[in-house]
Amino acid sequence: MLSSLGTSFYLKEQLLLCQMQNFGDAPLSYAATVWDHYMTVKSNGGLNQMRTGIADMVAVARIMNATLVIPQLDKRSFWHDSSMNSTFSDIFDELHFIETLQEDVNIVKELPLELANVPRARKHFTSWSGANYYEEMRQLWKEYRVIHVAKSDSRLANNDLPLDIQSLGKKLVERLRARGGRYIALHLRYEKDMLSFTGCSYGLTDEESEELRMMRENTNHWKVKKINSTEQRLGGFCPLTPKEIGIFLRALCYPPSSLIYIAAGKIYGGNTRLLELTSRFPNIVFKETLRPMRELRAFTGHASQTAALDYILRSNRKTITPDRKGLVEVFDYAGNGQQIEGIFVVTSYTDHAQK
């Protein structure tokens, strides 16, 4: 159980509230708060995404003068919760969470009985929103006593980065654009730890699959050891392979000359596996090829800081989130990915154009 979670929620909430005061011209005011409105939350994602998302919801509840009902956890992600019944208190120290935040946000375990069946406003709050947005959302209290938040991830604009990282990130974006104006930022999560953790071994050799299995077996804090790779892939829980990414982008009518920035760690299988992508899109760059060694040296050994650079480069692009489960069915339909590019190019391009 994560007994220190309440403290981390409290600290993050204070930081977020301080950050969000900068979005408006005047500090936020929460005087004489009456906690007669309630917010229920359905957390989504893996454990870390749920944890940070719930922290966002604490700050949102504070801004909206809402009583926060203990959030529901995501029971459909790839965390293999076989019971499908894990609750907040099964994972976190619920009492500590409530008591630590009691001076700032009213938190209850469940809705009062008299509100159990009242109409609720169901909201998908806009991602990366500032304080002004949530102040406007207070208008919902005129019609509702309860707001249900369907997703908890990335609800706040809490992405202020150190100035040196922002400065270098801006330089990298400018260098990319100087190469052709537009580029694709590809978050290729085809890394050894990701494949091992998720149990995804499609397209790998027997030796590689065994290496991933042993890594999972020897990593103590990874609780799930036996994973069916086929079920994972068919369920859409595996990252697309470099080959599948290449087929997908071609199906969206991106030309082979497209400039692609790879935001990722070391690709499992190295250049041999990356060749499955570069054979279709040879114009591929990494952050290491965009900056001289003198700029790289300051961030060497700091994975989180280099990840922040990737974030800046990705945030300057529009986002495409492929339906991995649906794409698996298409890839398997033909057996050979090259044969399917002409089959679903029209429909996939149409879907993309509408987003």
Protein backbone atom coordinates (compact mmCIF):
# COMPACT_ATOMS: atom_id res chain seq x y z
CA MET A 1 0.00 0.00 0.00
CA LEU A 2 1.27 3.48 -0.86
CA SER A 3 1.06 4.99 2.63
CA SER A 4 2.84 8.22 1.67
CA LEU A 5 0.45 8.98 -1.17
CA GLY A 6 -1.54 11.56 0.77
CA THR A 7 1.60 13.62 1.35
CA SER A 8 2.55 13.48 -2.31
CA PHE A 9 -0.99 14.53 -3.28
CA TYR A 10 -0.81 17.45 -0.85
CA LEU A 11 2.55 18.66 -2.14
CA LYS A 12 1.52 18.35 -5.78
CA GLU A 13 -1.75 20.14 -5.12
CA GLN A 14 0.09 23.09 -3.57
CA LEU A 15 2.46 23.27 -6.53
CA LEU A 16 -0.41 23.07 -9.01
CA LEU A 17 -2.40 25.77 -7.26
CA CYS A 18 0.64 28.05 -7.23
CA GLN A 19 1.20 27.38 -10.92
CA MET A 20 -2.42 27.95 -11.83
CA GLN A 21 -2.49 31.36 -10.13
CA ASN A 22 -0.16 32.47 -12.91
CA PHE A 23 -2.82 31.76 -15.54
CA GLY A 24 -5.01 34.67 -14.43
CA ASP A 25 -4.39 38.29 -13.51
CA ALA A 26 -5.26 37.81 -9.86
CA PRO A 27 -4.64 35.03 -7.32
CA LEU A 28 -7.34 32.44 -6.89
CA SER A 29 -9.63 32.89 -3.93
CA TYR A 30 -11.27 30.07 -2.00
CA ALA A 31 -12.66 31.93 0.97
CA ALA A 32 -15.86 30.77 2.66
CA THR A 33 -16.07 27.57 0.65
CA VAL A 34 -19.28 25.60 1.10
CA TRP A 35 -18.78 21.94 0.22
CA ASP A 36 -22.35 21.16 -0.88
CA HIS A 37 -21.43 20.08 -4.42
CA TYR A 38 -19.81 16.76 -5.23
CA MET A 39 -17.38 15.48 -7.84
CA THR A 40 -17.08 11.79 -8.70
CA VAL A 41 -14.09 10.63 -10.74
CA LYS A 42 -13.32 7.63 -12.94
CA SER A 43 -9.52 7.35 -13.02
CA ASN A 44 -7.99 6.00 -16.21
CA GLY A 45 -4.69 4.50 -17.30
CA GLY A 46 -2.03 2.54 -15.47
CA LEU A 47 -1.16 3.04 -11.82
CA ASN A 48 1.15 6.02 -12.36
CA GLN A 49 -1.31 7.74 -14.70
CA MET A 50 -4.11 7.21 -12.19
CA ARG A 51 -1.98 8.52 -9.33
CA THR A 52 -1.04 11.76 -11.09
CA GLY A 53 -4.55 12.12 -12.51
CA ILE A 54 -6.09 11.87 -9.05
CA ALA A 55 -3.68 14.56 -7.88
CA ASP A 56 -5.00 16.76 -10.69
CA MET A 57 -8.55 16.05 -9.54
CA VAL A 58 -7.69 17.20 -6.02
CA ALA A 59 -6.68 20.59 -7.39
CA VAL A 60 -9.71 20.72 -9.72
CA ALA A 61 -12.08 19.97 -6.84
CA ARG A 62 -10.46 22.80 -4.88
CA ILE A 63 -10.89 25.28 -7.73
CA MET A 64 -14.50 24.25 -8.31
CA ASN A 65 -15.42 24.26 -4.62
CA ALA A 66 -16.42 20.61 -4.81
CA THR A 67 -16.37 17.77 -2.35
CA LEU A 68 -14.28 15.03 -3.93
CA VAL A 69 -15.65 11.50 -3.68
CA ILE A 70 -12.90 8.87 -3.41
CA PRO A 71 -12.09 8.10 -7.09
CA GLN A 72 -12.85 4.84 -8.84
CA LEU A 73 -9.85 3.05 -10.34
CA ASP A 74 -9.41 1.87 -13.91
CA LYS A 75 -10.15 -1.86 -13.98
CA ARG A 76 -9.70 -2.38 -17.71
CA SER A 77 -6.08 -1.38 -18.32
CA PHE A 78 -3.19 -3.78 -18.87
CA TRP A 79 -2.47 -4.06 -15.14
CA HIS A 80 -4.09 -7.50 -15.10
CA ASP A 81 -6.47 -6.94 -12.19
CA SER A 82 -8.05 -10.37 -12.46
CA SER A 83 -10.56 -9.69 -9.72
CA MET A 84 -11.81 -6.53 -11.49
CA ASN A 85 -12.74 -5.28 -8.01
CA SER A 86 -9.67 -3.42 -6.73
CA THR A 87 -10.65 -0.18 -5.01
CA PHE A 88 -8.82 2.97 -3.98
CA SER A 89 -8.29 1.61 -0.47
CA ASP A 90 -6.80 -1.61 -1.84
CA ILE A 91 -3.94 0.38 -3.36
CA PHE A 92 -3.65 3.62 -1.36
CA ASP A 93 -3.91 4.67 2.28
CA GLU A 94 -7.41 6.12 2.04
CA LEU A 95 -7.62 7.57 5.56
CA HIS A 96 -4.23 9.24 5.24
CA PHE A 97 -5.30 10.70 1.89
CA ILE A 98 -8.47 12.21 3.39
CA GLU A 99 -6.87 13.53 6.58
CA THR A 100 -3.81 15.03 4.90
CA LEU A 101 -5.95 17.14 2.58
CA GLN A 102 -8.78 18.01 4.97
CA GLU A 103 -7.65 21.63 5.40
CA ASP A 104 -7.79 22.20 1.66
CA VAL A 105 -10.33 19.85 0.07
CA ASN A 106 -13.30 18.05 1.52
CA ILE A 107 -13.06 14.34 0.60
CA VAL A 108 -15.67 11.67 1.33
CA LYS A 109 -15.74 7.93 0.72
CA GLU A 110 -19.06 7.96 -1.14
CA LEU A 111 -21.93 10.20 -2.17
CA PRO A 112 -24.60 10.96 0.44
CA LEU A 113 -27.58 8.66 0.06
CA GLU A 114 -29.91 11.50 -0.93
CA LEU A 115 -27.69 12.24 -3.96
CA ALA A 116 -27.21 8.66 -5.14
CA ASN A 117 -29.90 8.90 -7.84
CA VAL A 118 -29.90 12.60 -8.73
CA PRO A 119 -29.04 13.66 -12.31
CA ARG A 120 -25.31 14.19 -12.82
CA ALA A 121 -23.33 16.29 -15.26
CA ARG A 122 -20.98 13.93 -17.11
CA LYS A 123 -17.87 15.81 -18.20
CA HIS A 124 -14.74 15.12 -20.21
CA PHE A 125 -12.75 18.15 -19.07
CA THR A 126 -10.45 19.63 -21.71
CA SER A 127 -6.85 18.44 -21.37
CA TRP A 128 -4.15 20.78 -20.04
CA SER A 129 -6.64 23.40 -18.86
CA GLY A 130 -5.85 26.35 -16.63
CA ALA A 131 -7.64 27.72 -13.59
CA ASN A 132 -9.90 30.03 -15.60
CA TYR A 133 -11.38 27.05 -17.44
CA TYR A 134 -12.39 25.34 -14.21
CA GLU A 135 -13.72 28.57 -12.75
CA GLU A 136 -16.05 28.72 -15.76
CA MET A 137 -17.06 25.11 -15.13
CA ARG A 138 -18.51 26.24 -11.80
CA GLN A 139 -21.54 27.31 -13.83
CA LEU A 140 -22.52 23.64 -13.84
CA TRP A 141 -23.42 23.91 -10.15
CA LYS A 142 -26.44 26.02 -11.11
CA GLU A 143 -28.08 22.90 -12.54
CA TYR A 144 -26.32 19.98 -10.85
CA ARG A 145 -25.28 18.89 -7.38
CA VAL A 146 -22.99 16.19 -8.76
CA ILE A 147 -20.44 16.23 -11.59
CA HIS A 148 -19.00 12.95 -12.84
CA VAL A 149 -15.53 13.24 -14.41
CA ALA A 150 -15.07 10.43 -16.93
CA LYS A 151 -11.27 10.78 -17.22
CA SER A 152 -8.68 12.04 -14.77
CA ASP A 153 -5.46 12.17 -16.81
CA SER A 154 -3.81 15.38 -18.06
CA ARG A 155 -6.63 17.65 -16.92
CA LEU A 156 -4.36 20.49 -15.71
CA ALA A 157 -1.86 22.76 -17.44
CA ASN A 158 0.88 21.74 -15.01
CA ASN A 159 3.62 21.38 -17.59
CA ASP A 160 5.89 24.31 -16.71
CA LEU A 161 9.43 23.15 -17.51
CA PRO A 162 12.79 24.64 -16.45
CA LEU A 163 13.90 27.48 -18.71
CA ASP A 164 17.05 25.70 -19.91
CA ILE A 165 14.99 22.71 -21.09
CA GLN A 166 12.43 24.99 -22.73
CA SER A 167 15.20 26.92 -24.49
CA LEU A 168 16.90 23.81 -25.85
CA GLY A 169 13.56 22.28 -26.81
CA LYS A 170 12.72 25.40 -28.81
CA LYS A 171 16.07 25.18 -30.60
CA LEU A 172 15.44 21.56 -31.54
CA VAL A 173 11.99 22.41 -32.91
CA GLU A 174 13.51 25.21 -35.00
CA ARG A 175 16.21 22.87 -36.34
CA LEU A 176 13.61 20.29 -37.29
CA ARG A 177 11.50 22.85 -39.08
CA ALA A 178 14.57 24.18 -40.87
CA ARG A 179 14.95 20.74 -42.46
CA GLY A 180 11.60 20.88 -44.19
CA GLY A 181 9.07 22.94 -42.29
CA ARG A 182 6.85 20.12 -41.09
CA TYR A 183 7.70 16.93 -39.26
CA ILE A 184 6.11 13.92 -37.59
CA ALA A 185 6.93 13.41 -33.91
CA LEU A 186 6.71 9.68 -33.28
CA HIS A 187 6.64 8.32 -29.74
CA LEU A 188 7.94 4.84 -30.51
CA ARG A 189 7.60 2.90 -27.25
CA TYR A 190 9.40 -0.12 -28.64
CA GLU A 191 11.88 -0.39 -25.79
CA LYS A 192 13.12 -3.43 -23.91
CA ASP A 193 11.53 -2.60 -20.56
CA MET A 194 8.17 -1.74 -22.12
CA LEU A 195 8.05 -4.96 -24.14
CA SER A 196 9.10 -7.03 -21.14
CA PHE A 197 6.64 -5.39 -18.75
CA THR A 198 3.69 -5.75 -21.12
CA GLY A 199 4.70 -9.24 -22.26
CA CYS A 200 4.68 -8.23 -25.92
CA SER A 201 6.93 -10.47 -28.00
CA TYR A 202 5.18 -10.47 -31.39
CA GLY A 203 7.69 -10.63 -34.23
CA LEU A 204 10.64 -11.34 -31.93
CA THR A 205 12.99 -14.30 -32.05
CA ASP A 206 12.79 -17.05 -29.44
CA GLU A 207 15.99 -15.72 -27.88
CA GLU A 208 14.59 -12.19 -27.63
CA SER A 209 11.31 -13.44 -26.16
CA GLU A 210 13.20 -15.42 -23.54
CA GLU A 211 15.35 -12.39 -22.71
CA LEU A 212 12.21 -10.33 -22.08
CA ARG A 213 10.67 -13.10 -19.99
CA MET A 214 13.79 -13.33 -17.81
CA MET A 215 13.86 -9.56 -17.36
CA ARG A 216 10.24 -9.62 -16.19
CA GLU A 217 10.93 -12.59 -13.92
CA ASN A 218 13.93 -10.87 -12.31
CA THR A 219 12.27 -7.48 -11.78
CA ASN A 220 10.82 -7.81 -8.30
CA HIS A 221 8.42 -4.86 -8.39
CA TRP A 222 6.72 -6.17 -11.55
CA LYS A 223 4.05 -8.33 -9.99
CA VAL A 224 2.72 -10.07 -13.10
CA LYS A 225 5.17 -12.66 -14.41
CA LYS A 226 3.16 -14.89 -16.74
CA ILE A 227 1.65 -12.97 -19.65
CA ASN A 228 0.08 -14.28 -22.84
CA SER A 229 1.70 -12.25 -25.60
CA THR A 230 -0.95 -13.11 -28.18
CA GLU A 231 -3.80 -11.97 -25.92
CA GLN A 232 -1.94 -8.75 -25.14
CA ARG A 233 -1.53 -7.92 -28.80
CA LEU A 234 -5.09 -8.81 -29.81
CA GLY A 235 -6.35 -6.70 -26.90
CA GLY A 236 -4.47 -3.65 -28.21
CA PHE A 237 -2.10 -3.48 -25.24
CA CYS A 238 1.17 -3.78 -27.19
CA PRO A 239 3.10 -0.93 -28.83
CA LEU A 240 3.08 -1.08 -32.60
CA THR A 241 6.28 -2.50 -34.08
CA PRO A 242 8.49 -0.27 -36.25
CA LYS A 243 7.20 -2.18 -39.29
CA GLU A 244 3.56 -1.64 -38.29
CA ILE A 245 4.20 2.07 -37.67
CA GLY A 246 5.65 2.37 -41.17
CA ILE A 247 2.63 0.68 -42.72
CA PHE A 248 0.27 2.84 -40.66
CA LEU A 249 1.90 6.12 -41.71
CA ARG A 250 1.95 5.10 -45.36
CA ALA A 251 -1.74 4.26 -45.08
CA LEU A 252 -2.31 7.83 -43.89
CA CYS A 253 -0.71 8.95 -47.16
CA TYR A 254 2.45 10.38 -45.63
CA PRO A 255 5.12 10.35 -48.38
CA PRO A 256 8.39 8.42 -47.89
CA SER A 257 10.23 11.76 -47.78
CA SER A 258 8.42 12.78 -44.57
CA LEU A 259 10.69 13.98 -41.77
CA ILE A 260 10.14 11.86 -38.66
CA TYR A 261 11.44 12.68 -35.19
CA ILE A 262 11.74 9.60 -32.97
CA ALA A 263 10.98 10.33 -29.31
CA ALA A 264 12.06 7.17 -27.52
CA GLY A 265 14.81 5.39 -25.69
CA LYS A 266 16.89 2.63 -27.23
CA ILE A 267 14.81 0.66 -29.75
CA TYR A 268 14.79 -3.04 -28.90
CA GLY A 269 16.58 -4.88 -31.66
CA GLY A 270 18.58 -1.79 -32.62
CA ASN A 271 19.12 -0.73 -36.21
CA THR A 272 18.03 -4.12 -37.53
CA ARG A 273 14.49 -3.65 -36.23
CA LEU A 274 14.46 0.08 -36.96
CA LEU A 275 15.23 -0.81 -40.58
CA GLU A 276 11.64 -2.06 -40.82
CA LEU A 277 10.60 1.60 -40.45
CA THR A 278 13.47 3.35 -42.24
CA SER A 279 12.92 1.20 -45.33
CA ARG A 280 9.63 3.09 -45.75
CA PHE A 281 10.66 6.42 -44.21
CA PRO A 282 14.42 6.98 -44.49
CA ASN A 283 14.31 10.61 -43.29
CA ILE A 284 14.40 9.82 -39.56
CA VAL A 285 16.15 11.83 -36.83
CA PHE A 286 16.69 11.51 -33.09
CA LYS A 287 17.38 14.29 -30.61
CA GLU A 288 21.01 13.15 -30.52
CA THR A 289 21.35 14.08 -34.21
CA LEU A 290 19.79 17.52 -33.73
CA ARG A 291 22.13 18.96 -31.14
CA PRO A 292 25.92 19.27 -30.79
CA MET A 293 27.77 17.50 -27.99
CA ARG A 294 28.13 20.69 -25.94
CA GLU A 295 24.34 20.87 -25.63
CA LEU A 296 23.99 17.15 -25.04
CA ARG A 297 26.56 17.05 -22.24
CA ALA A 298 24.42 18.99 -19.76
CA PHE A 299 21.64 16.40 -19.97
CA THR A 300 23.73 13.23 -20.09
CA GLY A 301 22.54 10.74 -17.49
CA HIS A 302 19.29 12.63 -16.83
CA ALA A 303 16.59 10.53 -18.49
CA SER A 304 13.71 12.63 -17.16
CA GLN A 305 15.21 15.82 -18.61
CA THR A 306 15.74 14.28 -22.03
CA ALA A 307 12.16 12.97 -21.84
CA ALA A 308 11.08 16.58 -21.23
CA LEU A 309 12.80 17.56 -24.47
CA ASP A 310 10.87 14.84 -26.27
CA TYR A 311 7.69 16.25 -24.73
CA ILE A 312 8.40 19.72 -26.15
CA LEU A 313 9.04 18.34 -29.62
CA ARG A 314 5.87 16.24 -29.51
CA SER A 315 3.67 19.00 -28.10
CA ASN A 316 4.39 21.14 -31.17
CA ARG A 317 2.63 18.57 -33.36
CA LYS A 318 -0.97 17.49 -33.80
CA THR A 319 -1.66 14.12 -32.23
CA ILE A 320 -2.74 10.87 -33.85
CA THR A 321 -3.63 8.03 -31.48
CA PRO A 322 -3.99 4.81 -33.49
CA ASP A 323 -6.53 2.16 -32.57
CA ARG A 324 -3.96 -0.55 -31.87
CA LYS A 325 -6.57 -3.25 -31.38
CA GLY A 326 -8.25 -2.43 -34.68
CA LEU A 327 -4.94 -2.18 -36.53
CA VAL A 328 -3.82 -5.59 -35.30
CA GLU A 329 -6.85 -7.12 -37.00
CA VAL A 330 -5.95 -5.37 -40.25
CA PHE A 331 -2.26 -6.36 -40.09
CA ASP A 332 -3.15 -9.98 -39.41
CA TYR A 333 -5.74 -10.01 -42.18
CA ALA A 334 -3.12 -10.08 -44.88
CA GLY A 335 -0.24 -11.66 -43.00
CA ASN A 336 2.21 -9.52 -44.96
CA GLY A 337 1.94 -5.84 -44.06
CA GLN A 338 3.01 -4.67 -47.51
CA GLN A 339 -0.15 -6.14 -49.02
CA ILE A 340 -2.59 -4.22 -46.87
CA GLU A 341 -1.42 -0.68 -47.54
CA GLY A 342 -3.82 -0.27 -50.45
CA ILE A 343 -6.71 -1.91 -48.60
CA PHE A 344 -7.32 0.57 -45.81
CA VAL A 345 -5.56 3.68 -47.07
CA VAL A 346 -8.81 5.46 -48.03
CA THR A 347 -10.72 4.84 -44.81
CA SER A 348 -7.78 5.54 -42.51
CA TYR A 349 -6.91 8.75 -44.32
CA THR A 350 -10.54 9.89 -44.12
CA ASP A 351 -10.65 9.19 -40.40
CA HIS A 352 -7.40 11.12 -39.92
CA ALA A 353 -8.67 14.10 -41.90
CA GLN A 354 -11.68 14.39 -39.64
CA LYS A 355 -9.58 14.67 -36.45
